[in-house]
N, C-alpha and C. Protein backbone atom coordinates (compact mmCIF):
# COMPACT_ATOMS: atom_id res chain seq x y z
N MET A 1 0.85 -1.18 0.00
CA MET A 1 0.00 0.00 0.00
C MET A 1 0.89 1.23 0.00
N ASN A 2 0.93 1.96 -1.08
CA ASN A 2 1.74 3.16 -1.19
C ASN A 2 0.82 4.37 -1.22
N THR A 3 0.52 4.89 -0.06
CA THR A 3 -0.45 5.96 0.08
C THR A 3 0.22 7.19 0.65
N PRO A 4 0.02 8.36 0.01
CA PRO A 4 0.57 9.59 0.58
C PRO A 4 0.03 9.81 2.00
N VAL A 5 0.84 10.44 2.82
CA VAL A 5 0.46 10.68 4.21
C VAL A 5 -0.35 11.96 4.31
N ASP A 6 -1.57 11.85 4.82
CA ASP A 6 -2.38 13.02 5.12
C ASP A 6 -3.17 12.73 6.39
N ALA A 7 -3.82 13.75 6.92
CA ALA A 7 -4.52 13.61 8.19
C ALA A 7 -5.61 12.55 8.13
N ALA A 8 -6.32 12.47 6.99
CA ALA A 8 -7.39 11.48 6.87
C ALA A 8 -6.83 10.06 6.93
N LEU A 9 -5.72 9.83 6.23
CA LEU A 9 -5.10 8.50 6.27
C LEU A 9 -4.66 8.15 7.69
N LEU A 10 -4.02 9.09 8.36
CA LEU A 10 -3.56 8.82 9.73
C LEU A 10 -4.73 8.45 10.63
N GLY A 11 -5.83 9.15 10.50
CA GLY A 11 -7.03 8.83 11.29
C GLY A 11 -7.58 7.46 10.95
N ASP A 12 -7.60 7.13 9.66
CA ASP A 12 -8.10 5.82 9.23
C ASP A 12 -7.22 4.69 9.77
N LEU A 13 -5.91 4.91 9.79
CA LEU A 13 -5.00 3.87 10.30
C LEU A 13 -5.25 3.61 11.78
N ILE A 14 -5.43 4.66 12.55
CA ILE A 14 -5.70 4.51 13.99
C ILE A 14 -7.06 3.85 14.20
N SER A 15 -8.07 4.25 13.44
CA SER A 15 -9.41 3.65 13.56
C SER A 15 -9.37 2.15 13.26
N ALA A 16 -8.63 1.78 12.21
CA ALA A 16 -8.53 0.36 11.85
C ALA A 16 -7.81 -0.42 12.95
N ALA A 17 -6.77 0.17 13.52
CA ALA A 17 -6.05 -0.50 14.62
C ALA A 17 -6.97 -0.67 15.83
N ASP A 18 -7.73 0.36 16.14
CA ASP A 18 -8.67 0.27 17.26
C ASP A 18 -9.70 -0.83 17.02
N ALA A 19 -10.20 -0.92 15.79
CA ALA A 19 -11.18 -1.95 15.45
C ALA A 19 -10.59 -3.36 15.58
N ASP A 20 -9.28 -3.47 15.41
CA ASP A 20 -8.58 -4.75 15.53
C ASP A 20 -8.09 -5.02 16.96
N ASN A 21 -8.52 -4.19 17.91
CA ASN A 21 -8.15 -4.31 19.32
C ASN A 21 -6.65 -4.18 19.55
N ILE A 22 -6.00 -3.34 18.77
CA ILE A 22 -4.58 -3.03 18.97
C ILE A 22 -4.49 -2.02 20.11
N THR A 23 -3.65 -2.30 21.10
CA THR A 23 -3.57 -1.42 22.27
C THR A 23 -2.31 -0.56 22.30
N LYS A 24 -1.34 -0.85 21.43
CA LYS A 24 -0.12 -0.05 21.40
C LYS A 24 0.22 0.29 19.95
N HIS A 25 0.53 1.55 19.70
CA HIS A 25 0.90 2.00 18.36
C HIS A 25 2.39 2.34 18.31
N VAL A 26 3.04 1.86 17.28
CA VAL A 26 4.47 2.10 17.05
C VAL A 26 4.61 2.59 15.62
N VAL A 27 5.61 3.42 15.36
CA VAL A 27 5.89 3.89 14.01
C VAL A 27 7.31 3.48 13.61
N GLY A 28 7.49 3.22 12.32
CA GLY A 28 8.80 2.86 11.80
C GLY A 28 9.10 3.70 10.56
N ALA A 29 10.39 4.00 10.36
CA ALA A 29 10.80 4.86 9.24
C ALA A 29 11.73 4.12 8.29
N VAL A 30 11.38 4.13 7.01
CA VAL A 30 12.30 3.69 5.97
C VAL A 30 12.99 4.96 5.49
N ILE A 31 14.27 5.08 5.86
CA ILE A 31 15.05 6.27 5.53
C ILE A 31 16.13 5.87 4.53
N PRO A 32 15.93 6.21 3.26
CA PRO A 32 16.95 5.87 2.26
C PRO A 32 18.00 6.98 2.15
N ASN A 33 19.20 6.60 1.71
CA ASN A 33 20.21 7.61 1.40
C ASN A 33 20.29 7.78 -0.11
N ALA A 34 21.19 8.62 -0.58
CA ALA A 34 21.30 8.92 -2.01
C ALA A 34 21.64 7.69 -2.84
N GLU A 35 22.30 6.70 -2.24
CA GLU A 35 22.67 5.49 -2.95
C GLU A 35 21.57 4.42 -2.92
N GLY A 36 20.44 4.74 -2.31
CA GLY A 36 19.34 3.78 -2.25
C GLY A 36 19.48 2.76 -1.13
N ARG A 37 20.36 3.03 -0.19
CA ARG A 37 20.49 2.16 0.98
C ARG A 37 19.57 2.67 2.08
N VAL A 38 19.16 1.76 2.95
CA VAL A 38 18.19 2.07 4.00
C VAL A 38 18.86 1.96 5.36
N LEU A 39 18.55 2.91 6.23
CA LEU A 39 19.11 2.91 7.58
C LEU A 39 18.48 1.82 8.43
N LEU A 40 19.32 0.93 8.97
CA LEU A 40 18.89 -0.09 9.92
C LEU A 40 19.64 0.10 11.21
N LEU A 41 18.97 -0.20 12.32
CA LEU A 41 19.56 -0.09 13.65
C LEU A 41 19.60 -1.47 14.29
N HIS A 42 20.64 -1.73 15.08
CA HIS A 42 20.84 -3.04 15.72
C HIS A 42 20.48 -2.96 17.20
N ARG A 43 19.54 -3.81 17.61
CA ARG A 43 19.13 -3.85 19.02
C ARG A 43 20.23 -4.51 19.85
N THR A 44 20.47 -3.96 21.02
CA THR A 44 21.49 -4.53 21.90
C THR A 44 21.08 -5.93 22.33
N ALA A 45 22.07 -6.77 22.61
CA ALA A 45 21.83 -8.18 22.94
C ALA A 45 20.92 -8.35 24.16
N ASP A 46 21.00 -7.44 25.13
CA ASP A 46 20.22 -7.59 26.36
C ASP A 46 18.83 -6.94 26.28
N ASP A 47 18.46 -6.40 25.12
CA ASP A 47 17.17 -5.75 24.93
C ASP A 47 16.14 -6.78 24.45
N TYR A 48 14.86 -6.43 24.57
CA TYR A 48 13.79 -7.25 24.00
C TYR A 48 14.07 -7.40 22.50
N LEU A 49 14.00 -8.60 21.98
CA LEU A 49 14.35 -8.90 20.58
C LEU A 49 15.80 -8.53 20.28
N GLY A 50 16.65 -8.70 21.28
CA GLY A 50 18.06 -8.35 21.16
C GLY A 50 18.73 -9.02 19.96
N GLY A 51 19.62 -8.27 19.32
CA GLY A 51 20.36 -8.76 18.17
C GLY A 51 19.66 -8.54 16.84
N LEU A 52 18.40 -8.09 16.87
CA LEU A 52 17.64 -7.87 15.65
C LEU A 52 18.03 -6.54 15.01
N TRP A 53 18.13 -6.51 13.70
CA TRP A 53 18.27 -5.27 12.94
C TRP A 53 16.87 -4.79 12.63
N GLU A 54 16.61 -3.49 12.77
CA GLU A 54 15.27 -2.96 12.59
C GLU A 54 15.32 -1.57 12.00
N LEU A 55 14.16 -1.11 11.60
CA LEU A 55 14.01 0.27 11.16
C LEU A 55 14.04 1.18 12.39
N PRO A 56 14.46 2.44 12.23
CA PRO A 56 14.25 3.38 13.33
C PRO A 56 12.75 3.38 13.66
N SER A 57 12.42 3.18 14.92
CA SER A 57 11.01 3.02 15.27
C SER A 57 10.81 3.26 16.76
N GLY A 58 9.55 3.44 17.12
CA GLY A 58 9.24 3.60 18.53
C GLY A 58 7.77 3.92 18.76
N GLY A 59 7.41 3.96 20.02
CA GLY A 59 6.02 4.12 20.41
C GLY A 59 5.48 5.52 20.19
N VAL A 60 4.16 5.55 19.97
CA VAL A 60 3.43 6.80 19.81
C VAL A 60 2.92 7.22 21.19
N ASP A 61 3.28 8.43 21.60
CA ASP A 61 2.82 8.96 22.89
C ASP A 61 1.40 9.51 22.77
N ALA A 62 0.72 9.58 23.90
CA ALA A 62 -0.63 10.14 23.93
C ALA A 62 -0.63 11.55 23.35
N GLY A 63 -1.58 11.83 22.48
CA GLY A 63 -1.72 13.16 21.88
C GLY A 63 -0.87 13.40 20.64
N GLU A 64 -0.01 12.44 20.29
CA GLU A 64 0.83 12.60 19.10
C GLU A 64 0.15 11.98 17.88
N THR A 65 0.40 12.58 16.72
CA THR A 65 0.02 11.92 15.48
C THR A 65 1.12 10.90 15.16
N LEU A 66 0.84 10.02 14.22
CA LEU A 66 1.83 9.03 13.83
C LEU A 66 3.09 9.70 13.28
N THR A 67 2.92 10.73 12.46
CA THR A 67 4.10 11.39 11.88
C THR A 67 4.86 12.21 12.92
N GLU A 68 4.18 12.82 13.86
CA GLU A 68 4.88 13.51 14.95
C GLU A 68 5.73 12.52 15.74
N ALA A 69 5.15 11.36 16.04
CA ALA A 69 5.90 10.34 16.78
C ALA A 69 7.09 9.86 15.97
N LEU A 70 6.92 9.70 14.67
CA LEU A 70 8.02 9.22 13.84
C LEU A 70 9.18 10.21 13.83
N GLY A 71 8.88 11.47 13.67
CA GLY A 71 9.94 12.48 13.72
C GLY A 71 10.66 12.48 15.06
N ARG A 72 9.90 12.39 16.13
CA ARG A 72 10.50 12.38 17.48
C ARG A 72 11.35 11.13 17.68
N GLU A 73 10.82 9.96 17.31
CA GLU A 73 11.56 8.71 17.53
C GLU A 73 12.85 8.66 16.71
N VAL A 74 12.81 9.09 15.46
CA VAL A 74 14.02 9.11 14.64
C VAL A 74 15.06 10.02 15.29
N ALA A 75 14.64 11.19 15.74
CA ALA A 75 15.57 12.11 16.40
C ALA A 75 16.13 11.51 17.68
N GLU A 76 15.27 10.89 18.51
CA GLU A 76 15.73 10.30 19.77
C GLU A 76 16.71 9.15 19.54
N GLU A 77 16.42 8.29 18.57
CA GLU A 77 17.24 7.09 18.38
C GLU A 77 18.51 7.33 17.57
N THR A 78 18.50 8.36 16.69
CA THR A 78 19.61 8.53 15.75
C THR A 78 20.23 9.93 15.75
N GLY A 79 19.54 10.90 16.29
CA GLY A 79 20.00 12.29 16.20
C GLY A 79 19.70 12.93 14.86
N LEU A 80 19.03 12.20 13.96
CA LEU A 80 18.71 12.72 12.64
C LEU A 80 17.40 13.49 12.66
N THR A 81 17.28 14.47 11.76
CA THR A 81 16.07 15.28 11.65
C THR A 81 15.29 14.87 10.41
N VAL A 82 14.04 14.45 10.62
CA VAL A 82 13.17 14.12 9.50
C VAL A 82 12.63 15.43 8.94
N THR A 83 12.80 15.62 7.62
CA THR A 83 12.32 16.84 6.96
C THR A 83 11.04 16.62 6.17
N ALA A 84 10.74 15.37 5.82
CA ALA A 84 9.52 15.09 5.05
C ALA A 84 9.13 13.63 5.23
N PHE A 85 7.83 13.38 5.12
CA PHE A 85 7.29 12.03 5.14
C PHE A 85 6.78 11.74 3.74
N GLY A 86 7.12 10.57 3.22
CA GLY A 86 6.72 10.22 1.87
C GLY A 86 5.42 9.46 1.84
N THR A 87 5.49 8.14 1.89
CA THR A 87 4.29 7.33 1.76
C THR A 87 4.17 6.35 2.92
N TYR A 88 2.95 5.90 3.09
CA TYR A 88 2.67 4.84 4.06
C TYR A 88 2.95 3.52 3.36
N LEU A 89 3.78 2.68 3.97
CA LEU A 89 4.22 1.43 3.36
C LEU A 89 3.52 0.19 3.91
N GLY A 90 2.67 0.37 4.88
CA GLY A 90 1.98 -0.77 5.47
C GLY A 90 2.33 -0.93 6.94
N HIS A 91 1.77 -1.97 7.53
CA HIS A 91 1.98 -2.21 8.96
C HIS A 91 2.19 -3.69 9.22
N PHE A 92 2.63 -3.98 10.43
CA PHE A 92 2.65 -5.36 10.91
C PHE A 92 2.33 -5.35 12.39
N ASP A 93 1.82 -6.46 12.87
CA ASP A 93 1.40 -6.58 14.27
C ASP A 93 2.31 -7.57 15.00
N TYR A 94 2.48 -7.33 16.28
CA TYR A 94 3.26 -8.22 17.13
C TYR A 94 2.89 -7.99 18.58
N LEU A 95 3.35 -8.86 19.46
CA LEU A 95 3.15 -8.67 20.90
C LEU A 95 4.37 -7.96 21.47
N SER A 96 4.13 -6.90 22.22
CA SER A 96 5.23 -6.16 22.84
C SER A 96 5.81 -6.97 24.00
N LYS A 97 6.89 -6.48 24.55
CA LYS A 97 7.54 -7.13 25.69
C LYS A 97 6.54 -7.32 26.84
N SER A 98 5.64 -6.33 27.00
CA SER A 98 4.65 -6.40 28.08
C SER A 98 3.39 -7.19 27.68
N GLY A 99 3.39 -7.75 26.46
CA GLY A 99 2.27 -8.58 26.01
C GLY A 99 1.14 -7.82 25.34
N LYS A 100 1.35 -6.53 25.05
CA LYS A 100 0.30 -5.74 24.40
C LYS A 100 0.26 -6.03 22.90
N LYS A 101 -0.96 -6.07 22.35
CA LYS A 101 -1.12 -6.17 20.91
C LYS A 101 -0.63 -4.86 20.30
N THR A 102 0.41 -4.94 19.49
CA THR A 102 1.08 -3.76 18.97
C THR A 102 1.02 -3.75 17.45
N ARG A 103 0.81 -2.57 16.89
CA ARG A 103 0.86 -2.39 15.43
C ARG A 103 1.92 -1.36 15.11
N GLN A 104 2.84 -1.73 14.22
CA GLN A 104 3.86 -0.80 13.74
C GLN A 104 3.45 -0.30 12.37
N PHE A 105 3.23 1.02 12.27
CA PHE A 105 2.90 1.70 11.03
C PHE A 105 4.21 2.20 10.42
N ASN A 106 4.45 1.93 9.15
CA ASN A 106 5.73 2.24 8.52
C ASN A 106 5.58 3.24 7.39
N PHE A 107 6.46 4.23 7.40
CA PHE A 107 6.42 5.33 6.43
C PHE A 107 7.81 5.57 5.87
N THR A 108 7.87 6.12 4.66
CA THR A 108 9.15 6.61 4.17
C THR A 108 9.40 7.96 4.82
N ALA A 109 10.66 8.28 5.02
CA ALA A 109 11.02 9.55 5.62
C ALA A 109 12.30 10.06 4.97
N THR A 110 12.39 11.37 4.85
CA THR A 110 13.58 12.02 4.32
C THR A 110 14.25 12.77 5.46
N ILE A 111 15.57 12.67 5.52
CA ILE A 111 16.32 13.40 6.54
C ILE A 111 16.99 14.61 5.88
N THR A 112 17.56 15.48 6.70
CA THR A 112 18.18 16.70 6.20
C THR A 112 19.19 16.39 5.11
N HIS A 113 20.16 15.54 5.39
CA HIS A 113 21.08 15.02 4.37
C HIS A 113 21.82 13.83 4.92
N ASP A 114 22.29 12.98 3.98
CA ASP A 114 22.90 11.70 4.34
C ASP A 114 24.16 11.83 5.18
N SER A 115 24.83 12.95 5.08
CA SER A 115 26.12 13.09 5.76
C SER A 115 25.98 13.46 7.23
N GLU A 116 24.75 13.62 7.70
CA GLU A 116 24.55 13.91 9.12
C GLU A 116 25.15 12.80 9.98
N THR A 117 25.68 13.16 11.10
CA THR A 117 26.24 12.18 12.03
C THR A 117 25.10 11.46 12.75
N ILE A 118 25.19 10.16 12.78
CA ILE A 118 24.20 9.36 13.50
C ILE A 118 24.69 9.16 14.92
N THR A 119 23.84 9.51 15.86
CA THR A 119 24.14 9.36 17.28
C THR A 119 23.15 8.36 17.86
N LEU A 120 23.64 7.16 18.16
CA LEU A 120 22.77 6.11 18.68
C LEU A 120 22.56 6.27 20.18
N THR A 121 21.31 6.11 20.62
CA THR A 121 20.99 6.21 22.05
C THR A 121 20.42 4.91 22.61
N GLU A 122 19.81 4.08 21.76
CA GLU A 122 19.17 2.85 22.23
C GLU A 122 19.72 1.61 21.54
N HIS A 123 20.50 1.77 20.51
CA HIS A 123 21.02 0.67 19.71
C HIS A 123 22.54 0.67 19.78
N ASP A 124 23.16 -0.47 19.40
CA ASP A 124 24.62 -0.53 19.50
C ASP A 124 25.34 -0.44 18.15
N ALA A 125 24.58 -0.38 17.05
CA ALA A 125 25.20 -0.25 15.73
C ALA A 125 24.14 0.21 14.73
N TYR A 126 24.64 0.74 13.62
CA TYR A 126 23.74 1.08 12.51
C TYR A 126 24.39 0.65 11.21
N LEU A 127 23.58 0.57 10.18
CA LEU A 127 24.03 0.10 8.88
C LEU A 127 23.18 0.76 7.81
N TRP A 128 23.84 1.27 6.77
CA TRP A 128 23.12 1.69 5.56
C TRP A 128 23.06 0.45 4.68
N ALA A 129 21.94 -0.24 4.68
CA ALA A 129 21.81 -1.56 4.08
C ALA A 129 21.33 -1.48 2.64
N ASP A 130 21.98 -2.29 1.80
CA ASP A 130 21.47 -2.48 0.45
C ASP A 130 20.62 -3.74 0.47
N ARG A 131 20.13 -4.16 -0.67
CA ARG A 131 19.23 -5.32 -0.72
C ARG A 131 19.88 -6.60 -0.19
N THR A 132 21.19 -6.70 -0.29
CA THR A 132 21.85 -7.92 0.17
C THR A 132 21.89 -8.03 1.70
N ASN A 133 21.65 -6.93 2.40
CA ASN A 133 21.67 -6.95 3.86
C ASN A 133 20.30 -7.16 4.48
N HIS A 134 19.27 -7.28 3.69
CA HIS A 134 17.91 -7.33 4.23
C HIS A 134 17.60 -8.62 4.96
N GLU A 135 18.43 -9.66 4.79
CA GLU A 135 18.18 -10.90 5.52
C GLU A 135 18.46 -10.71 7.02
N ARG A 136 19.02 -9.60 7.39
CA ARG A 136 19.33 -9.32 8.80
C ARG A 136 18.10 -8.86 9.59
N VAL A 137 17.02 -8.54 8.91
CA VAL A 137 15.83 -8.01 9.57
C VAL A 137 14.77 -9.10 9.70
N SER A 138 13.73 -8.82 10.45
CA SER A 138 12.61 -9.75 10.59
C SER A 138 11.88 -9.86 9.25
N ARG A 139 11.09 -10.90 9.11
CA ARG A 139 10.29 -11.06 7.89
C ARG A 139 9.31 -9.89 7.71
N ALA A 140 8.79 -9.39 8.82
CA ALA A 140 7.85 -8.27 8.74
C ALA A 140 8.53 -7.03 8.17
N VAL A 141 9.72 -6.72 8.67
CA VAL A 141 10.46 -5.56 8.15
C VAL A 141 10.90 -5.82 6.71
N GLU A 142 11.29 -7.05 6.42
CA GLU A 142 11.68 -7.40 5.06
C GLU A 142 10.52 -7.14 4.08
N SER A 143 9.31 -7.43 4.51
CA SER A 143 8.13 -7.17 3.68
C SER A 143 7.93 -5.67 3.45
N ILE A 144 8.13 -4.89 4.48
CA ILE A 144 8.00 -3.43 4.35
C ILE A 144 9.06 -2.90 3.38
N LEU A 145 10.29 -3.41 3.50
CA LEU A 145 11.36 -2.99 2.59
C LEU A 145 11.07 -3.41 1.15
N ALA A 146 10.46 -4.57 0.97
CA ALA A 146 10.09 -5.02 -0.37
C ALA A 146 9.04 -4.08 -0.98
N THR A 147 8.09 -3.66 -0.17
CA THR A 147 7.08 -2.71 -0.63
C THR A 147 7.75 -1.40 -1.03
N TRP A 148 8.69 -0.94 -0.22
CA TRP A 148 9.41 0.29 -0.55
C TRP A 148 10.19 0.14 -1.85
N HIS A 149 10.86 -0.98 -2.03
CA HIS A 149 11.62 -1.22 -3.26
C HIS A 149 10.71 -1.22 -4.49
N GLU A 150 9.52 -1.80 -4.36
CA GLU A 150 8.58 -1.82 -5.47
C GLU A 150 8.21 -0.42 -5.92
N GLN A 151 8.07 0.50 -4.98
CA GLN A 151 7.67 1.86 -5.34
C GLN A 151 8.85 2.68 -5.89
N THR A 152 10.08 2.25 -5.65
CA THR A 152 11.23 3.02 -6.12
C THR A 152 11.75 2.54 -7.46
N VAL A 153 11.19 1.46 -7.98
CA VAL A 153 11.64 0.94 -9.28
C VAL A 153 11.08 1.75 -10.42
């Protein structure tokens, strides 16, 4: 699903999640660089799902829109500034560490520029991944990346 981000779409996504009894909302960012590589972050070994490579992502706070949360989470986890949101790439559901039904909404995002310094606060490594590195992520994230690749061809 490659849908431009607007207020109506954001509302529809939340309504659909509520109808599916989702109790926690998370956002994820597909951030490509000029070479078409995507930023992946590595979870520390002692963290929930430790050792997994993932998209910059995090929980939506009360009163935040999905895109507000995405900008905040990218800045908190990487020190990067999101300047634009592209398209909605789809979602996936999972159980959080606390057992909550969680839905991760994924969007493309543009940062100020690729040469910005990445400052990790919650992860122990990062990678600008090309298609050959995608086996490092979960199947759910791999599906989101496949959707993104389809729209960039």
